[in-house]
Amino acid sequence: MHTTIIDVLPMELVFRVLGMLDYRSLIACQQVCRYFNTLIVNDSSLQYILELAVAGKEDNPRSSLDYHQKLDTLRKHQTAWRTLDWTNVEDIPMLGGHLWELYGGVLAQTNIDGSIRFRRLPSRIRGIEEMVWSVPMPDLDLRDFTMDPAQDLLVLIARPKLRYVVSTSWGSIASL
């Protein structure tokens, strides 16, 4: 039988090298030989790299989950979106304000008291709990806003509130 370099390398080293590859290189390795294909198909960390790329997602390096758990979570998430099989349905009433924004899993709405209420939407699959908080916006004539929760960014478009005083004795209008 013919011995190759792969046959004499420790399996830990082979997996370590494969784990450093991007998804395109892993796909190329799968096509090299059945041995590489079997290694890649049967390893959850390598499958996670491939399925993450197919889903168009990026890994969260701060996650405490191991690769098997990450792969399982990714598969559940993808299946839920593909089949529209929600794990939870919740009605969120609109507040009395006239502006709202939904971005990055956070719903923000203006309230009649002039504040903006934020609601981080929960996700059982991703382990995200709902959180609600408000930011007061006193003395702003808010016209629009946008946000990017990933950057902790809130952009407000406001027009200054002008207060007028009418002088009855002078017949003039002055702004404060």
N, C-alpha and C. Protein backbone atom coordinates (compact mmCIF):
# COMPACT_ATOMS: atom_id res chain seq x y z
N MET A 1 0.85 -1.18 0.00
CA MET A 1 0.00 0.00 0.00
C MET A 1 0.89 1.24 0.00
N HIS A 2 0.48 2.24 -0.74
CA HIS A 2 1.23 3.47 -0.89
C HIS A 2 0.95 4.40 0.29
N THR A 3 2.01 4.88 0.95
CA THR A 3 1.86 5.77 2.09
C THR A 3 2.05 7.20 1.64
N THR A 4 1.13 8.06 2.07
CA THR A 4 1.23 9.48 1.73
C THR A 4 1.54 10.28 2.99
N ILE A 5 1.86 11.54 2.79
CA ILE A 5 2.16 12.41 3.92
C ILE A 5 0.96 12.56 4.86
N ILE A 6 -0.23 12.51 4.28
CA ILE A 6 -1.45 12.62 5.08
C ILE A 6 -1.58 11.43 6.02
N ASP A 7 -1.16 10.26 5.59
CA ASP A 7 -1.25 9.06 6.41
C ASP A 7 -0.35 9.11 7.64
N VAL A 8 0.74 9.84 7.58
CA VAL A 8 1.67 9.86 8.71
C VAL A 8 1.47 11.09 9.61
N LEU A 9 0.71 12.07 9.16
CA LEU A 9 0.44 13.24 10.00
C LEU A 9 -0.57 12.91 11.08
N PRO A 10 -0.40 13.46 12.27
CA PRO A 10 -1.41 13.26 13.31
C PRO A 10 -2.73 13.89 12.89
N MET A 11 -3.84 13.23 13.22
CA MET A 11 -5.17 13.72 12.83
C MET A 11 -5.42 15.13 13.39
N GLU A 12 -4.93 15.40 14.60
CA GLU A 12 -5.13 16.72 15.20
C GLU A 12 -4.53 17.81 14.31
N LEU A 13 -3.37 17.52 13.72
CA LEU A 13 -2.71 18.48 12.84
C LEU A 13 -3.50 18.68 11.54
N VAL A 14 -4.01 17.59 10.99
CA VAL A 14 -4.80 17.68 9.76
C VAL A 14 -6.04 18.54 10.01
N PHE A 15 -6.73 18.29 11.12
CA PHE A 15 -7.93 19.08 11.45
C PHE A 15 -7.58 20.54 11.73
N ARG A 16 -6.44 20.75 12.36
CA ARG A 16 -6.03 22.13 12.65
C ARG A 16 -5.78 22.91 11.35
N VAL A 17 -5.11 22.27 10.41
CA VAL A 17 -4.84 22.90 9.11
C VAL A 17 -6.16 23.15 8.37
N LEU A 18 -7.03 22.16 8.32
CA LEU A 18 -8.32 22.33 7.65
C LEU A 18 -9.14 23.44 8.31
N GLY A 19 -9.06 23.54 9.63
CA GLY A 19 -9.80 24.56 10.36
C GLY A 19 -9.33 25.98 10.09
N MET A 20 -8.14 26.14 9.56
CA MET A 20 -7.62 27.47 9.23
C MET A 20 -8.02 27.92 7.82
N LEU A 21 -8.66 27.04 7.07
CA LEU A 21 -9.03 27.36 5.70
C LEU A 21 -10.36 28.11 5.65
N ASP A 22 -10.52 28.92 4.61
CA ASP A 22 -11.82 29.56 4.38
C ASP A 22 -12.74 28.55 3.70
N TYR A 23 -14.00 28.92 3.56
CA TYR A 23 -14.98 27.96 3.03
C TYR A 23 -14.68 27.54 1.59
N ARG A 24 -14.14 28.44 0.78
CA ARG A 24 -13.84 28.07 -0.61
C ARG A 24 -12.74 27.00 -0.67
N SER A 25 -11.74 27.17 0.17
CA SER A 25 -10.65 26.18 0.21
C SER A 25 -11.13 24.85 0.76
N LEU A 26 -12.07 24.90 1.73
CA LEU A 26 -12.63 23.64 2.26
C LEU A 26 -13.40 22.90 1.17
N ILE A 27 -14.15 23.64 0.37
CA ILE A 27 -14.89 23.01 -0.73
C ILE A 27 -13.91 22.38 -1.73
N ALA A 28 -12.82 23.09 -2.01
CA ALA A 28 -11.81 22.54 -2.92
C ALA A 28 -11.19 21.27 -2.33
N CYS A 29 -10.95 21.26 -1.03
CA CYS A 29 -10.38 20.08 -0.38
C CYS A 29 -11.35 18.89 -0.43
N GLN A 30 -12.64 19.19 -0.32
CA GLN A 30 -13.62 18.11 -0.42
C GLN A 30 -13.57 17.44 -1.78
N GLN A 31 -13.19 18.19 -2.79
CA GLN A 31 -13.16 17.66 -4.15
C GLN A 31 -11.83 16.98 -4.49
N VAL A 32 -10.85 17.10 -3.62
CA VAL A 32 -9.54 16.49 -3.87
C VAL A 32 -9.61 14.97 -3.78
N CYS A 33 -10.20 14.48 -2.68
CA CYS A 33 -10.29 13.04 -2.50
C CYS A 33 -11.40 12.70 -1.50
N ARG A 34 -11.80 11.44 -1.50
CA ARG A 34 -12.86 10.99 -0.59
C ARG A 34 -12.44 11.13 0.87
N TYR A 35 -11.16 10.94 1.14
CA TYR A 35 -10.66 11.02 2.51
C TYR A 35 -10.90 12.42 3.07
N PHE A 36 -10.49 13.45 2.34
CA PHE A 36 -10.72 14.83 2.79
C PHE A 36 -12.21 15.13 2.88
N ASN A 37 -12.96 14.66 1.90
CA ASN A 37 -14.40 14.90 1.93
C ASN A 37 -15.02 14.31 3.20
N THR A 38 -14.62 13.08 3.54
CA THR A 38 -15.15 12.42 4.74
C THR A 38 -14.76 13.18 6.00
N LEU A 39 -13.50 13.63 6.07
CA LEU A 39 -13.06 14.39 7.23
C LEU A 39 -13.90 15.67 7.41
N ILE A 40 -14.12 16.39 6.32
CA ILE A 40 -14.82 17.66 6.38
C ILE A 40 -16.30 17.46 6.69
N VAL A 41 -16.93 16.48 6.06
CA VAL A 41 -18.36 16.23 6.27
C VAL A 41 -18.64 15.77 7.70
N ASN A 42 -17.70 15.04 8.31
CA ASN A 42 -17.93 14.48 9.64
C ASN A 42 -17.43 15.35 10.80
N ASP A 43 -16.92 16.53 10.51
CA ASP A 43 -16.42 17.41 11.57
C ASP A 43 -17.33 18.64 11.70
N SER A 44 -17.88 18.84 12.89
CA SER A 44 -18.85 19.93 13.08
C SER A 44 -18.21 21.31 12.91
N SER A 45 -16.95 21.48 13.29
CA SER A 45 -16.33 22.80 13.15
C SER A 45 -16.13 23.16 11.68
N LEU A 46 -15.79 22.17 10.86
CA LEU A 46 -15.61 22.43 9.43
C LEU A 46 -16.95 22.60 8.72
N GLN A 47 -17.94 21.82 9.13
CA GLN A 47 -19.29 21.99 8.58
C GLN A 47 -19.85 23.36 8.95
N TYR A 48 -19.54 23.82 10.15
CA TYR A 48 -20.00 25.14 10.59
C TYR A 48 -19.44 26.23 9.68
N ILE A 49 -18.17 26.14 9.33
CA ILE A 49 -17.55 27.11 8.43
C ILE A 49 -18.28 27.13 7.08
N LEU A 50 -18.58 25.95 6.55
CA LEU A 50 -19.27 25.86 5.26
C LEU A 50 -20.71 26.39 5.34
N GLU A 51 -21.45 25.95 6.34
CA GLU A 51 -22.85 26.35 6.43
C GLU A 51 -23.01 27.83 6.81
N LEU A 52 -22.06 28.36 7.53
CA LEU A 52 -22.07 29.79 7.85
C LEU A 52 -21.91 30.60 6.57
N ALA A 53 -21.04 30.16 5.68
CA ALA A 53 -20.84 30.86 4.41
C ALA A 53 -22.09 30.76 3.53
N VAL A 54 -22.71 29.59 3.48
CA VAL A 54 -23.92 29.41 2.69
C VAL A 54 -25.04 30.33 3.20
N ALA A 55 -25.11 30.50 4.53
CA ALA A 55 -26.14 31.34 5.14
C ALA A 55 -25.82 32.83 5.01
N GLY A 56 -24.59 33.15 4.59
CA GLY A 56 -24.20 34.55 4.47
C GLY A 56 -24.02 35.21 5.83
N LYS A 57 -23.59 34.45 6.80
CA LYS A 57 -23.43 34.96 8.16
C LYS A 57 -21.96 34.94 8.56
N GLU A 58 -21.68 35.60 9.67
CA GLU A 58 -20.32 35.61 10.22
C GLU A 58 -20.33 35.01 11.61
N ASP A 59 -19.22 34.43 11.98
CA ASP A 59 -19.09 33.81 13.29
C ASP A 59 -18.97 34.88 14.37
N ASN A 60 -19.50 34.58 15.54
CA ASN A 60 -19.33 35.44 16.70
C ASN A 60 -18.21 34.82 17.54
N PRO A 61 -17.02 35.38 17.47
CA PRO A 61 -15.90 34.77 18.20
C PRO A 61 -16.05 34.85 19.72
N ARG A 62 -16.94 35.71 20.21
CA ARG A 62 -17.13 35.83 21.67
C ARG A 62 -18.16 34.85 22.20
N SER A 63 -18.74 34.05 21.33
CA SER A 63 -19.76 33.09 21.76
C SER A 63 -19.14 32.02 22.65
N SER A 64 -19.90 31.63 23.66
CA SER A 64 -19.41 30.58 24.57
C SER A 64 -19.78 29.18 24.08
N LEU A 65 -20.48 29.09 22.96
CA LEU A 65 -20.89 27.80 22.42
C LEU A 65 -19.72 27.10 21.72
N ASP A 66 -19.71 25.78 21.80
CA ASP A 66 -18.72 25.04 21.01
C ASP A 66 -19.24 24.90 19.58
N TYR A 67 -18.41 24.36 18.67
CA TYR A 67 -18.79 24.31 17.26
C TYR A 67 -20.01 23.44 17.01
N HIS A 68 -20.15 22.36 17.75
CA HIS A 68 -21.33 21.52 17.58
C HIS A 68 -22.60 22.30 17.93
N GLN A 69 -22.57 23.05 19.03
CA GLN A 69 -23.72 23.86 19.44
C GLN A 69 -23.97 25.00 18.45
N LYS A 70 -22.90 25.63 17.96
CA LYS A 70 -23.05 26.70 16.97
C LYS A 70 -23.68 26.18 15.70
N LEU A 71 -23.23 25.02 15.24
CA LEU A 71 -23.78 24.41 14.02
C LEU A 71 -25.25 24.07 14.21
N ASP A 72 -25.59 23.50 15.35
CA ASP A 72 -26.98 23.16 15.65
C ASP A 72 -27.86 24.41 15.69
N THR A 73 -27.38 25.48 16.32
CA THR A 73 -28.12 26.74 16.39
C THR A 73 -28.30 27.34 15.01
N LEU A 74 -27.25 27.34 14.21
CA LEU A 74 -27.32 27.87 12.84
C LEU A 74 -28.34 27.09 12.01
N ARG A 75 -28.32 25.79 12.12
CA ARG A 75 -29.26 24.96 11.36
C ARG A 75 -30.71 25.22 11.78
N LYS A 76 -30.94 25.34 13.08
CA LYS A 76 -32.29 25.64 13.57
C LYS A 76 -32.76 27.01 13.06
N HIS A 77 -31.86 27.97 13.12
CA HIS A 77 -32.19 29.33 12.66
C HIS A 77 -32.53 29.33 11.17
N GLN A 78 -31.71 28.66 10.38
CA GLN A 78 -31.94 28.61 8.93
C GLN A 78 -33.25 27.87 8.61
N THR A 79 -33.52 26.78 9.33
CA THR A 79 -34.75 26.02 9.10
C THR A 79 -35.97 26.86 9.47
N ALA A 80 -35.90 27.58 10.57
CA ALA A 80 -37.02 28.43 10.99
C ALA A 80 -37.33 29.49 9.94
N TRP A 81 -36.32 30.08 9.34
CA TRP A 81 -36.55 31.09 8.30
C TRP A 81 -37.03 30.44 7.00
N ARG A 82 -36.48 29.29 6.66
CA ARG A 82 -36.86 28.63 5.41
C ARG A 82 -38.31 28.15 5.45
N THR A 83 -38.76 27.67 6.61
CA THR A 83 -40.11 27.12 6.73
C THR A 83 -41.09 28.11 7.35
N LEU A 84 -40.60 29.28 7.75
CA LEU A 84 -41.41 30.28 8.46
C LEU A 84 -42.11 29.66 9.67
N ASP A 85 -41.36 28.82 10.38
CA ASP A 85 -41.85 28.16 11.58
C ASP A 85 -41.30 28.89 12.80
N TRP A 86 -42.05 29.87 13.27
CA TRP A 86 -41.59 30.72 14.36
C TRP A 86 -41.67 29.99 15.68
N THR A 87 -40.72 30.25 16.55
CA THR A 87 -40.74 29.66 17.88
C THR A 87 -41.57 30.49 18.84
N ASN A 88 -41.85 31.74 18.46
CA ASN A 88 -42.60 32.63 19.32
C ASN A 88 -43.27 33.69 18.46
N VAL A 89 -44.52 34.00 18.75
CA VAL A 89 -45.23 35.07 18.06
C VAL A 89 -45.71 36.04 19.12
N GLU A 90 -45.41 37.31 18.92
CA GLU A 90 -45.79 38.32 19.90
C GLU A 90 -46.24 39.58 19.17
N ASP A 91 -47.37 40.13 19.59
CA ASP A 91 -47.86 41.38 19.04
C ASP A 91 -47.29 42.53 19.87
N ILE A 92 -46.69 43.49 19.20
CA ILE A 92 -46.13 44.66 19.87
C ILE A 92 -46.94 45.86 19.41
N PRO A 93 -47.66 46.49 20.33
CA PRO A 93 -48.48 47.63 19.93
C PRO A 93 -47.62 48.84 19.57
N MET A 94 -48.12 49.60 18.61
CA MET A 94 -47.44 50.84 18.24
C MET A 94 -47.78 51.89 19.30
N LEU A 95 -46.83 52.71 19.62
CA LEU A 95 -47.02 53.76 20.61
C LEU A 95 -47.67 54.96 19.93
N GLY A 96 -47.97 55.98 20.70
CA GLY A 96 -48.70 57.13 20.18
C GLY A 96 -47.90 58.08 19.31
N GLY A 97 -46.60 57.86 19.22
CA GLY A 97 -45.77 58.74 18.38
C GLY A 97 -45.97 58.43 16.90
N HIS A 98 -45.33 59.21 16.08
CA HIS A 98 -45.51 59.07 14.64
C HIS A 98 -44.30 58.48 13.92
N LEU A 99 -43.24 58.16 14.63
CA LEU A 99 -42.03 57.64 13.99
C LEU A 99 -41.66 56.27 14.57
N TRP A 100 -41.12 55.43 13.73
CA TRP A 100 -40.61 54.15 14.20
C TRP A 100 -39.51 53.66 13.26
N GLU A 101 -38.70 52.77 13.77
CA GLU A 101 -37.57 52.21 13.02
C GLU A 101 -37.32 50.80 13.53
N LEU A 102 -37.10 49.86 12.63
CA LEU A 102 -36.75 48.49 12.99
C LEU A 102 -35.44 48.17 12.30
N TYR A 103 -34.41 47.91 13.10
CA TYR A 103 -33.09 47.66 12.53
C TYR A 103 -32.28 46.81 13.50
N GLY A 104 -31.62 45.80 12.99
CA GLY A 104 -30.71 45.00 13.79
C GLY A 104 -31.36 44.33 14.99
N GLY A 105 -32.63 43.95 14.84
CA GLY A 105 -33.32 43.28 15.95
C GLY A 105 -33.80 44.22 17.04
N VAL A 106 -33.79 45.53 16.77
CA VAL A 106 -34.27 46.51 17.74
C VAL A 106 -35.37 47.34 17.10
N LEU A 107 -36.51 47.43 17.78
CA LEU A 107 -37.62 48.26 17.35
C LEU A 107 -37.60 49.54 18.19
N ALA A 108 -37.58 50.68 17.53
CA ALA A 108 -37.60 51.96 18.22
C ALA A 108 -38.84 52.72 17.77
N GLN A 109 -39.54 53.33 18.73
CA GLN A 109 -40.75 54.08 18.43
C GLN A 109 -40.76 55.37 19.25
N THR A 110 -41.25 56.44 18.63
CA THR A 110 -41.44 57.66 19.42
C THR A 110 -42.73 57.51 20.21
N ASN A 111 -42.74 58.15 21.37
CA ASN A 111 -43.88 58.10 22.25
C ASN A 111 -44.49 59.50 22.34
N ILE A 112 -45.72 59.60 22.77
CA ILE A 112 -46.36 60.92 22.83
C ILE A 112 -45.71 61.83 23.86
N ASP A 113 -44.96 61.28 24.80
CA ASP A 113 -44.27 62.12 25.80
C ASP A 113 -42.95 62.68 25.26
N GLY A 114 -42.64 62.40 24.00
CA GLY A 114 -41.43 62.93 23.39
C GLY A 114 -40.22 62.02 23.51
N SER A 115 -40.36 60.88 24.15
CA SER A 115 -39.23 59.96 24.30
C SER A 115 -39.20 58.98 23.14
N ILE A 116 -38.09 58.27 23.04
CA ILE A 116 -37.98 57.17 22.09
C ILE A 116 -37.85 55.90 22.92
N ARG A 117 -38.74 54.95 22.66
CA ARG A 117 -38.70 53.67 23.38
C ARG A 117 -38.07 52.63 22.46
N PHE A 118 -37.08 51.94 22.99
CA PHE A 118 -36.37 50.89 22.26
C PHE A 118 -36.77 49.54 22.82
N ARG A 119 -36.91 48.56 21.93
CA ARG A 119 -37.24 47.20 22.34
C ARG A 119 -36.35 46.25 21.55
N ARG A 120 -35.42 45.59 22.27
CA ARG A 120 -34.62 44.55 21.62
C ARG A 120 -35.50 43.32 21.52
N LEU A 121 -35.71 42.85 20.31
CA LEU A 121 -36.59 41.73 20.08
C LEU A 121 -35.93 40.43 20.52
N PRO A 122 -36.68 39.56 21.18
CA PRO A 122 -36.08 38.32 21.69
C PRO A 122 -35.89 37.28 20.59
N SER A 123 -34.99 36.35 20.84
CA SER A 123 -34.78 35.21 19.96
C SER A 123 -34.41 34.01 20.82
N ARG A 124 -35.28 33.04 20.84
CA ARG A 124 -34.99 31.83 21.62
C ARG A 124 -33.83 31.05 21.02
N ILE A 125 -33.81 30.97 19.69
CA ILE A 125 -32.77 30.19 19.02
C ILE A 125 -31.40 30.80 19.27
N ARG A 126 -31.29 32.12 19.22
CA ARG A 126 -30.00 32.78 19.40
C ARG A 126 -29.73 33.15 20.85
N GLY A 127 -30.68 32.86 21.76
CA GLY A 127 -30.48 33.12 23.18
C GLY A 127 -30.50 34.60 23.53
N ILE A 128 -31.32 35.39 22.84
CA ILE A 128 -31.39 36.83 23.09
C ILE A 128 -32.69 37.12 23.85
N GLU A 129 -32.57 37.77 24.98
CA GLU A 129 -33.74 38.11 25.79
C GLU A 129 -34.25 39.49 25.40
N GLU A 130 -35.55 39.68 25.57
CA GLU A 130 -36.15 40.99 25.28
C GLU A 130 -35.67 42.01 26.31
N MET A 131 -35.46 43.21 25.84
CA MET A 131 -35.06 44.30 26.72
C MET A 131 -35.75 45.57 26.22
N VAL A 132 -36.31 46.36 27.14
CA VAL A 132 -37.01 47.59 26.78
C VAL A 132 -36.39 48.74 27.58
N TRP A 133 -36.12 49.86 26.89
CA TRP A 133 -35.62 51.06 27.55
C TRP A 133 -36.07 52.29 26.78
N SER A 134 -36.06 53.43 27.44
CA SER A 134 -36.47 54.68 26.81
C SER A 134 -35.39 55.73 26.95
N VAL A 135 -35.38 56.64 25.98
CA VAL A 135 -34.46 57.77 26.01
C VAL A 135 -35.31 59.03 25.88
N PRO A 136 -35.28 59.92 26.87
CA PRO A 136 -36.07 61.15 26.77
C PRO A 136 -35.48 62.08 25.71
N MET A 137 -36.35 62.75 25.00
CA MET A 137 -35.95 63.72 23.97
C MET A 137 -36.65 65.05 24.25
N PRO A 138 -36.29 65.72 25.34
CA PRO A 138 -36.98 66.96 25.69
C PRO A 138 -36.63 68.09 24.72
N ASP A 139 -37.59 68.91 24.46
CA ASP A 139 -37.41 70.12 23.66
C ASP A 139 -36.86 69.86 22.27
N LEU A 140 -37.18 68.72 21.69
CA LEU A 140 -36.79 68.46 20.31
C LEU A 140 -38.05 68.29 19.47
N ASP A 141 -38.06 68.95 18.33
CA ASP A 141 -39.12 68.73 17.36
C ASP A 141 -38.59 67.67 16.40
N LEU A 142 -38.71 66.41 16.82
CA LEU A 142 -38.12 65.29 16.11
C LEU A 142 -38.88 65.03 14.81
N ARG A 143 -38.14 65.04 13.70
CA ARG A 143 -38.72 64.81 12.38
C ARG A 143 -38.49 63.38 11.90
N ASP A 144 -37.36 62.81 12.24
CA ASP A 144 -37.03 61.47 11.83
C ASP A 144 -35.82 61.01 12.63
N PHE A 145 -35.56 59.71 12.61
CA PHE A 145 -34.36 59.18 13.24
C PHE A 145 -34.01 57.86 12.58
N THR A 146 -32.78 57.46 12.75
CA THR A 146 -32.33 56.14 12.33
C THR A 146 -31.34 55.65 13.37
N MET A 147 -31.01 54.38 13.29
CA MET A 147 -30.12 53.80 14.30
C MET A 147 -29.36 52.63 13.71
N ASP A 148 -28.27 52.30 14.38
CA ASP A 148 -27.51 51.10 14.08
C ASP A 148 -27.08 50.51 15.42
N PRO A 149 -27.84 49.55 15.96
CA PRO A 149 -27.51 48.98 17.27
C PRO A 149 -26.11 48.37 17.34
N ALA A 150 -25.60 47.86 16.23
CA ALA A 150 -24.27 47.25 16.24
C ALA A 150 -23.19 48.28 16.54
N GLN A 151 -23.45 49.55 16.18
CA GLN A 151 -22.48 50.63 16.44
C GLN A 151 -22.88 51.49 17.63
N ASP A 152 -23.99 51.12 18.30
CA ASP A 152 -24.52 51.92 19.40
C ASP A 152 -24.74 53.35 18.93
N LEU A 153 -25.40 53.49 17.77
CA LEU A 153 -25.55 54.77 17.09
C LEU A 153 -27.01 55.14 16.93
N LEU A 154 -27.36 56.37 17.30
CA LEU A 154 -28.69 56.92 17.11
C LEU A 154 -28.51 58.29 16.45
N VAL A 155 -29.14 58.48 15.29
CA VAL A 155 -29.05 59.73 14.54
C VAL A 155 -30.43 60.37 14.58
N LEU A 156 -30.49 61.62 15.03
CA LEU A 156 -31.76 62.34 15.14
C LEU A 156 -31.80 63.46 14.12
N ILE A 157 -32.95 63.60 13.50
CA ILE A 157 -33.19 64.73 12.60
C ILE A 157 -34.29 65.54 13.26
N ALA A 158 -33.93 66.75 13.69
CA ALA A 158 -34.88 67.57 14.44
C ALA A 158 -34.85 69.00 13.93
N ARG A 159 -35.94 69.66 14.15
CA ARG A 159 -36.03 71.08 13.85
C ARG A 159 -36.13 71.78 15.20
N PRO A 160 -35.36 72.84 15.36
CA PRO A 160 -35.43 73.52 16.66
C PRO A 160 -36.84 74.03 16.92
N LYS A 161 -37.26 73.87 18.17
CA LYS A 161 -38.56 74.42 18.54
C LYS A 161 -38.39 75.91 18.77
N LEU A 162 -39.18 76.65 18.08
CA LEU A 162 -39.15 78.10 18.26
C LEU A 162 -40.31 78.51 19.15
N ARG A 163 -40.02 79.32 20.12
CA ARG A 163 -41.07 79.82 20.99
C ARG A 163 -41.24 81.30 20.69
N TYR A 164 -42.46 81.69 20.54
CA TYR A 164 -42.74 83.08 20.18
C TYR A 164 -43.45 83.79 21.33
N VAL A 165 -43.12 85.03 21.48
CA VAL A 165 -43.80 85.89 22.45
C VAL A 165 -44.42 87.03 21.65
N VAL A 166 -45.68 87.21 21.83
CA VAL A 166 -46.36 88.31 21.15
C VAL A 166 -46.54 89.44 22.14
N SER A 167 -46.01 90.57 21.78
CA SER A 167 -46.13 91.75 22.63
C SER A 167 -47.37 92.53 22.17
N THR A 168 -48.34 92.61 23.04
CA THR A 168 -49.56 93.33 22.67
C THR A 168 -49.36 94.82 22.63
N SER A 169 -48.42 95.30 23.46
CA SER A 169 -48.23 96.77 23.48
C SER A 169 -47.38 97.23 22.30
N TRP A 170 -46.47 96.40 21.82
CA TRP A 170 -45.61 96.79 20.70
C TRP A 170 -46.12 96.23 19.37
N GLY A 171 -46.96 95.18 19.45
CA GLY A 171 -47.49 94.57 18.24
C GLY A 171 -46.45 93.78 17.45
N SER A 172 -45.44 93.29 18.12
CA SER A 172 -44.38 92.56 17.43
C SER A 172 -44.31 91.12 17.95
N ILE A 173 -43.64 90.31 17.15
CA ILE A 173 -43.40 88.92 17.53
C ILE A 173 -41.91 88.72 17.68
N ALA A 174 -41.52 88.10 18.76
CA ALA A 174 -40.10 87.81 19.01
C ALA A 174 -39.94 86.35 19.37
N SER A 175 -38.84 85.78 18.92
CA SER A 175 -38.58 84.37 19.29
C SER A 175 -37.69 84.35 20.51
N LEU A 176 -37.87 83.32 21.33
CA LEU A 176 -37.05 83.16 22.55
C LEU A 176 -35.91 82.22 22.27
